[in-house]
């Protein structure tokens, strides 16, 4: 199994910045990709950014140019640098790890989430 622990959330004013961190432990070698999802009140959980084991990145259109995902391999940690934050970025941010299981599809591991609030 994989354990994911997020940190770095908090309250920030519009236009400000935060950096989220996700520390991964357990069978990290089994993950094909890691990333960040977010869920705002009344909305579905959505993909924010992802990075593969080959360092290929993917971003939601709404955060392109503002957010940057990166990772370290030892220890295994994924980061989300969030700049130019907007009130609509307010959400619980979840670290995600995915593992492709042959013949079974993709399994997702989730952290407990960290609250990001963008407000004056």
N, C-alpha and C. Protein backbone atom coordinates (compact mmCIF):
# COMPACT_ATOMS: atom_id res chain seq x y z
N UNK A 1 0.83 -1.19 0.00
CA UNK A 1 0.00 0.00 0.00
C UNK A 1 0.87 1.25 0.00
N UNK A 2 0.23 2.38 -0.30
CA UNK A 2 0.91 3.66 -0.37
C UNK A 2 0.24 4.62 0.60
N UNK A 3 1.05 5.33 1.37
CA UNK A 3 0.54 6.36 2.25
C UNK A 3 0.97 7.73 1.73
N UNK A 4 0.02 8.65 1.68
CA UNK A 4 0.28 9.99 1.20
C UNK A 4 -0.13 10.99 2.27
N UNK A 5 0.75 11.92 2.58
CA UNK A 5 0.49 12.92 3.60
C UNK A 5 0.77 14.30 3.03
N UNK A 6 -0.27 15.14 2.99
CA UNK A 6 -0.15 16.49 2.45
C UNK A 6 0.17 17.49 3.55
N UNK A 7 0.79 18.58 3.15
CA UNK A 7 1.04 19.69 4.06
C UNK A 7 1.19 20.96 3.23
N UNK A 8 1.10 22.10 3.89
CA UNK A 8 1.34 23.37 3.24
C UNK A 8 0.12 24.21 2.95
N UNK A 9 -1.06 23.69 3.22
CA UNK A 9 -2.26 24.46 3.00
C UNK A 9 -2.39 25.58 4.02
N UNK A 10 -3.32 26.48 3.75
CA UNK A 10 -3.54 27.59 4.65
C UNK A 10 -4.38 28.67 4.03
N UNK A 11 -4.40 29.81 4.68
CA UNK A 11 -5.15 30.97 4.23
C UNK A 11 -4.20 31.95 3.55
N UNK A 12 -4.57 32.40 2.38
CA UNK A 12 -3.74 33.32 1.63
C UNK A 12 -4.63 34.33 0.90
N UNK A 13 -4.13 35.53 0.71
CA UNK A 13 -4.88 36.55 -0.01
C UNK A 13 -4.81 36.32 -1.51
N UNK A 14 -5.81 36.80 -2.24
CA UNK A 14 -5.75 36.70 -3.70
C UNK A 14 -4.45 37.29 -4.23
N UNK A 15 -3.85 36.59 -5.19
CA UNK A 15 -2.57 37.00 -5.73
C UNK A 15 -1.38 36.43 -5.01
N UNK A 16 -1.61 35.80 -3.88
CA UNK A 16 -0.54 35.23 -3.10
C UNK A 16 -0.13 33.86 -3.59
N UNK A 17 0.78 33.25 -2.84
CA UNK A 17 1.34 31.96 -3.23
C UNK A 17 1.36 30.99 -2.06
N UNK A 18 1.30 29.72 -2.38
CA UNK A 18 1.46 28.64 -1.43
C UNK A 18 2.19 27.51 -2.12
N UNK A 19 2.90 26.72 -1.34
CA UNK A 19 3.49 25.50 -1.87
C UNK A 19 3.02 24.31 -1.05
N UNK A 20 2.36 23.39 -1.72
CA UNK A 20 1.91 22.18 -1.09
C UNK A 20 2.94 21.08 -1.26
N UNK A 21 3.04 20.23 -0.25
CA UNK A 21 3.95 19.10 -0.31
C UNK A 21 3.18 17.82 -0.01
N UNK A 22 3.59 16.76 -0.64
CA UNK A 22 2.99 15.45 -0.41
C UNK A 22 4.11 14.43 -0.25
N UNK A 23 4.21 13.88 0.94
CA UNK A 23 5.22 12.87 1.22
C UNK A 23 4.61 11.49 1.02
N UNK A 24 5.25 10.70 0.20
CA UNK A 24 4.76 9.37 -0.12
C UNK A 24 5.63 8.31 0.53
N UNK A 25 4.99 7.29 1.06
CA UNK A 25 5.71 6.18 1.67
C UNK A 25 5.00 4.88 1.34
N UNK A 26 5.66 3.78 1.60
CA UNK A 26 5.11 2.48 1.28
C UNK A 26 5.63 2.00 -0.07
N UNK A 27 4.76 1.38 -0.83
CA UNK A 27 5.13 0.81 -2.12
C UNK A 27 5.12 1.86 -3.22
N UNK A 28 5.94 2.88 -3.03
CA UNK A 28 5.96 4.01 -3.95
C UNK A 28 6.43 3.59 -5.34
N UNK A 29 7.28 2.58 -5.38
CA UNK A 29 7.80 2.10 -6.66
C UNK A 29 6.70 1.62 -7.59
N UNK A 30 5.55 1.29 -7.03
CA UNK A 30 4.45 0.78 -7.83
C UNK A 30 3.64 1.87 -8.52
N UNK A 31 3.87 3.13 -8.17
CA UNK A 31 3.08 4.23 -8.72
C UNK A 31 3.55 4.61 -10.12
N UNK A 32 2.61 4.80 -11.01
CA UNK A 32 2.91 5.26 -12.36
C UNK A 32 2.91 6.78 -12.46
N UNK A 33 2.15 7.42 -11.57
CA UNK A 33 2.06 8.88 -11.58
C UNK A 33 1.60 9.37 -10.23
N UNK A 34 1.88 10.62 -9.94
CA UNK A 34 1.36 11.29 -8.76
C UNK A 34 0.80 12.63 -9.18
N UNK A 35 -0.06 13.17 -8.35
CA UNK A 35 -0.64 14.45 -8.71
C UNK A 35 -1.46 15.06 -7.60
N UNK A 36 -2.16 16.09 -7.98
CA UNK A 36 -3.01 16.83 -7.06
C UNK A 36 -4.40 16.98 -7.63
N UNK A 37 -5.39 16.70 -6.80
CA UNK A 37 -6.78 16.96 -7.09
C UNK A 37 -7.28 17.98 -6.09
N UNK A 38 -8.38 18.60 -6.41
CA UNK A 38 -9.00 19.50 -5.45
C UNK A 38 -10.51 19.35 -5.51
N UNK A 39 -11.15 19.66 -4.40
CA UNK A 39 -12.59 19.60 -4.31
C UNK A 39 -13.09 20.81 -3.54
N UNK A 40 -13.84 21.64 -4.23
CA UNK A 40 -14.45 22.81 -3.63
C UNK A 40 -15.86 22.45 -3.16
N UNK A 41 -16.40 23.22 -2.20
CA UNK A 41 -17.76 22.93 -1.73
C UNK A 41 -18.77 22.89 -2.86
N UNK A 42 -19.55 21.84 -2.89
CA UNK A 42 -20.59 21.70 -3.90
C UNK A 42 -20.10 21.27 -5.26
N UNK A 43 -18.82 20.98 -5.39
CA UNK A 43 -18.27 20.59 -6.67
C UNK A 43 -17.64 19.20 -6.60
N UNK A 44 -17.45 18.62 -7.78
CA UNK A 44 -16.79 17.33 -7.87
C UNK A 44 -15.28 17.50 -7.74
N UNK A 45 -14.64 16.45 -7.32
CA UNK A 45 -13.18 16.47 -7.25
C UNK A 45 -12.62 16.53 -8.67
N UNK A 46 -11.65 17.41 -8.87
CA UNK A 46 -11.08 17.59 -10.19
C UNK A 46 -9.57 17.51 -10.16
N UNK A 47 -9.01 17.06 -11.25
CA UNK A 47 -7.56 16.99 -11.39
C UNK A 47 -7.00 18.40 -11.56
N UNK A 48 -5.98 18.71 -10.79
CA UNK A 48 -5.29 19.99 -10.89
C UNK A 48 -4.00 19.85 -11.69
N UNK A 49 -3.19 18.89 -11.29
CA UNK A 49 -1.91 18.67 -11.95
C UNK A 49 -1.44 17.26 -11.67
N UNK A 50 -0.67 16.71 -12.58
CA UNK A 50 -0.13 15.38 -12.41
C UNK A 50 1.26 15.30 -13.01
N UNK A 51 2.04 14.38 -12.50
CA UNK A 51 3.38 14.16 -13.03
C UNK A 51 3.64 12.66 -13.05
N UNK A 52 4.15 12.17 -14.16
CA UNK A 52 4.41 10.75 -14.30
C UNK A 52 5.79 10.40 -13.77
N UNK A 53 6.06 9.11 -13.70
CA UNK A 53 7.37 8.66 -13.27
C UNK A 53 8.46 9.11 -14.24
N UNK A 54 8.08 9.45 -15.45
CA UNK A 54 9.01 9.98 -16.44
C UNK A 54 9.04 11.49 -16.48
N UNK A 55 8.42 12.14 -15.50
CA UNK A 55 8.42 13.60 -15.34
C UNK A 55 7.64 14.32 -16.43
N UNK A 56 6.67 13.65 -17.01
CA UNK A 56 5.74 14.31 -17.92
C UNK A 56 4.62 14.92 -17.08
N UNK A 57 4.32 16.18 -17.31
CA UNK A 57 3.33 16.88 -16.50
C UNK A 57 2.05 17.16 -17.26
N UNK A 58 0.98 17.32 -16.50
CA UNK A 58 -0.32 17.63 -17.06
C UNK A 58 -1.03 18.57 -16.10
N UNK A 59 -1.66 19.61 -16.63
CA UNK A 59 -2.32 20.62 -15.81
C UNK A 59 -3.74 20.86 -16.29
N UNK A 60 -4.59 21.16 -15.32
CA UNK A 60 -5.91 21.66 -15.67
C UNK A 60 -5.77 23.01 -16.34
N UNK A 61 -6.63 23.28 -17.31
CA UNK A 61 -6.55 24.53 -18.04
C UNK A 61 -6.64 25.74 -17.12
N UNK A 62 -7.41 25.63 -16.07
CA UNK A 62 -7.63 26.76 -15.17
C UNK A 62 -6.40 27.16 -14.35
N UNK A 63 -5.40 26.28 -14.28
CA UNK A 63 -4.22 26.59 -13.47
C UNK A 63 -2.95 26.71 -14.28
N UNK A 64 -3.03 26.51 -15.58
CA UNK A 64 -1.84 26.61 -16.42
C UNK A 64 -1.22 28.00 -16.32
N UNK A 65 0.09 28.01 -16.16
CA UNK A 65 0.80 29.27 -16.03
C UNK A 65 0.87 29.79 -14.62
N UNK A 66 0.07 29.23 -13.72
CA UNK A 66 0.07 29.67 -12.33
C UNK A 66 0.60 28.61 -11.37
N UNK A 67 0.29 27.35 -11.65
CA UNK A 67 0.71 26.25 -10.79
C UNK A 67 1.81 25.45 -11.45
N UNK A 68 2.70 24.91 -10.64
CA UNK A 68 3.77 24.05 -11.14
C UNK A 68 3.89 22.83 -10.25
N UNK A 69 3.86 21.66 -10.86
CA UNK A 69 4.04 20.43 -10.12
C UNK A 69 5.47 19.93 -10.33
N UNK A 70 6.06 19.40 -9.28
CA UNK A 70 7.41 18.86 -9.37
C UNK A 70 7.54 17.73 -8.36
N UNK A 71 8.64 17.01 -8.44
CA UNK A 71 8.83 15.89 -7.53
C UNK A 71 10.29 15.63 -7.22
N UNK A 72 10.51 15.05 -6.05
CA UNK A 72 11.79 14.50 -5.67
C UNK A 72 11.62 13.00 -5.55
N UNK A 73 12.68 12.26 -5.81
CA UNK A 73 12.61 10.81 -5.76
C UNK A 73 13.12 10.23 -4.44
N UNK A 74 13.95 10.96 -3.74
CA UNK A 74 14.53 10.46 -2.50
C UNK A 74 14.71 11.58 -1.50
N UNK A 75 13.80 11.70 -0.53
CA UNK A 75 12.58 10.92 -0.35
C UNK A 75 11.54 11.26 -1.40
N UNK A 76 10.59 10.38 -1.59
CA UNK A 76 9.59 10.57 -2.62
C UNK A 76 8.57 11.61 -2.17
N UNK A 77 8.64 12.77 -2.81
CA UNK A 77 7.78 13.89 -2.45
C UNK A 77 7.35 14.60 -3.72
N UNK A 78 6.09 14.97 -3.77
CA UNK A 78 5.58 15.76 -4.88
C UNK A 78 5.13 17.11 -4.35
N UNK A 79 5.39 18.16 -5.13
CA UNK A 79 5.09 19.52 -4.72
C UNK A 79 4.13 20.17 -5.70
N UNK A 80 3.38 21.11 -5.19
CA UNK A 80 2.55 21.94 -6.03
C UNK A 80 2.79 23.39 -5.64
N UNK A 81 3.51 24.11 -6.49
CA UNK A 81 3.74 25.53 -6.28
C UNK A 81 2.58 26.29 -6.90
N UNK A 82 1.87 27.04 -6.09
CA UNK A 82 0.68 27.76 -6.53
C UNK A 82 0.93 29.25 -6.42
N UNK A 83 0.93 29.92 -7.55
CA UNK A 83 1.14 31.35 -7.61
C UNK A 83 -0.11 32.04 -8.15
N UNK A 84 -0.20 33.33 -7.93
CA UNK A 84 -1.32 34.13 -8.42
C UNK A 84 -2.66 33.50 -8.05
N UNK A 85 -2.78 33.12 -6.80
CA UNK A 85 -3.97 32.42 -6.35
C UNK A 85 -5.22 33.28 -6.45
N UNK A 86 -6.31 32.63 -6.80
CA UNK A 86 -7.60 33.26 -6.96
C UNK A 86 -8.60 32.67 -5.96
N UNK A 87 -9.65 33.41 -5.62
CA UNK A 87 -10.65 32.86 -4.71
C UNK A 87 -11.23 31.53 -5.20
N UNK A 88 -11.34 31.36 -6.51
CA UNK A 88 -11.88 30.12 -7.05
C UNK A 88 -10.94 28.94 -6.88
N UNK A 89 -9.72 29.19 -6.43
CA UNK A 89 -8.80 28.10 -6.12
C UNK A 89 -9.07 27.50 -4.74
N UNK A 90 -9.94 28.13 -3.98
CA UNK A 90 -10.27 27.64 -2.65
C UNK A 90 -10.86 26.24 -2.74
N UNK A 91 -10.26 25.31 -2.02
CA UNK A 91 -10.69 23.92 -2.06
C UNK A 91 -9.85 23.12 -1.09
N UNK A 92 -10.26 21.89 -0.87
CA UNK A 92 -9.40 20.92 -0.22
C UNK A 92 -8.57 20.27 -1.31
N UNK A 93 -7.27 20.29 -1.14
CA UNK A 93 -6.36 19.72 -2.12
C UNK A 93 -5.89 18.36 -1.64
N UNK A 94 -6.01 17.38 -2.52
CA UNK A 94 -5.67 16.01 -2.19
C UNK A 94 -4.49 15.53 -3.03
N UNK A 95 -3.53 14.95 -2.38
CA UNK A 95 -2.46 14.28 -3.09
C UNK A 95 -2.98 12.95 -3.61
N UNK A 96 -2.53 12.59 -4.78
CA UNK A 96 -2.99 11.37 -5.43
C UNK A 96 -1.83 10.59 -6.01
N UNK A 97 -1.89 9.31 -5.85
CA UNK A 97 -0.97 8.42 -6.53
C UNK A 97 -1.76 7.38 -7.28
N UNK A 98 -1.35 7.07 -8.48
CA UNK A 98 -2.08 6.09 -9.26
C UNK A 98 -1.18 4.93 -9.68
N UNK A 99 -1.79 3.77 -9.68
CA UNK A 99 -1.08 2.55 -10.05
C UNK A 99 -1.91 1.78 -11.06
N UNK A 100 -1.31 1.50 -12.18
CA UNK A 100 -1.98 0.73 -13.22
C UNK A 100 -1.84 -0.75 -12.90
N UNK A 101 -2.97 -1.40 -12.76
CA UNK A 101 -3.00 -2.83 -12.48
C UNK A 101 -3.41 -3.54 -13.76
N UNK A 102 -2.56 -4.42 -14.22
CA UNK A 102 -2.82 -5.12 -15.47
C UNK A 102 -4.15 -5.85 -15.42
N UNK A 103 -5.00 -5.57 -16.39
CA UNK A 103 -6.30 -6.21 -16.48
C UNK A 103 -7.34 -5.69 -15.52
N UNK A 104 -6.97 -4.71 -14.68
CA UNK A 104 -7.90 -4.21 -13.66
C UNK A 104 -8.11 -2.71 -13.72
N UNK A 105 -7.38 -2.01 -14.53
CA UNK A 105 -7.50 -0.57 -14.60
C UNK A 105 -6.52 0.13 -13.66
N UNK A 106 -6.86 1.35 -13.29
CA UNK A 106 -5.99 2.18 -12.47
C UNK A 106 -6.55 2.33 -11.07
N UNK A 107 -5.70 2.09 -10.07
CA UNK A 107 -6.09 2.28 -8.68
C UNK A 107 -5.51 3.58 -8.17
N UNK A 108 -6.32 4.35 -7.44
CA UNK A 108 -5.91 5.63 -6.90
C UNK A 108 -5.73 5.57 -5.39
N UNK A 109 -4.62 6.11 -4.92
CA UNK A 109 -4.37 6.32 -3.51
C UNK A 109 -4.58 7.79 -3.20
N UNK A 110 -5.10 8.06 -2.01
CA UNK A 110 -5.43 9.44 -1.64
C UNK A 110 -4.87 9.82 -0.30
N UNK A 111 -4.40 11.06 -0.20
CA UNK A 111 -4.07 11.63 1.08
C UNK A 111 -5.33 12.13 1.77
N UNK A 112 -5.18 12.67 2.96
CA UNK A 112 -6.33 13.15 3.72
C UNK A 112 -6.78 14.54 3.31
N UNK A 113 -5.95 15.25 2.57
CA UNK A 113 -6.31 16.56 2.08
C UNK A 113 -5.77 17.68 2.94
N UNK A 114 -5.55 18.82 2.31
CA UNK A 114 -5.13 20.02 3.01
C UNK A 114 -5.94 21.20 2.47
N UNK A 115 -6.46 22.00 3.38
CA UNK A 115 -7.34 23.10 3.00
C UNK A 115 -6.54 24.28 2.48
N UNK A 116 -6.94 24.78 1.33
CA UNK A 116 -6.41 26.02 0.77
C UNK A 116 -7.55 27.01 0.66
N UNK A 117 -7.41 28.14 1.32
CA UNK A 117 -8.44 29.17 1.29
C UNK A 117 -7.83 30.46 0.78
N UNK A 118 -8.40 30.99 -0.29
CA UNK A 118 -7.93 32.23 -0.89
C UNK A 118 -9.00 33.29 -0.65
N UNK A 119 -8.69 34.23 0.21
CA UNK A 119 -9.68 35.22 0.62
C UNK A 119 -8.99 36.46 1.15
N UNK A 120 -9.63 37.61 0.94
CA UNK A 120 -9.11 38.86 1.46
C UNK A 120 -9.40 38.99 2.95
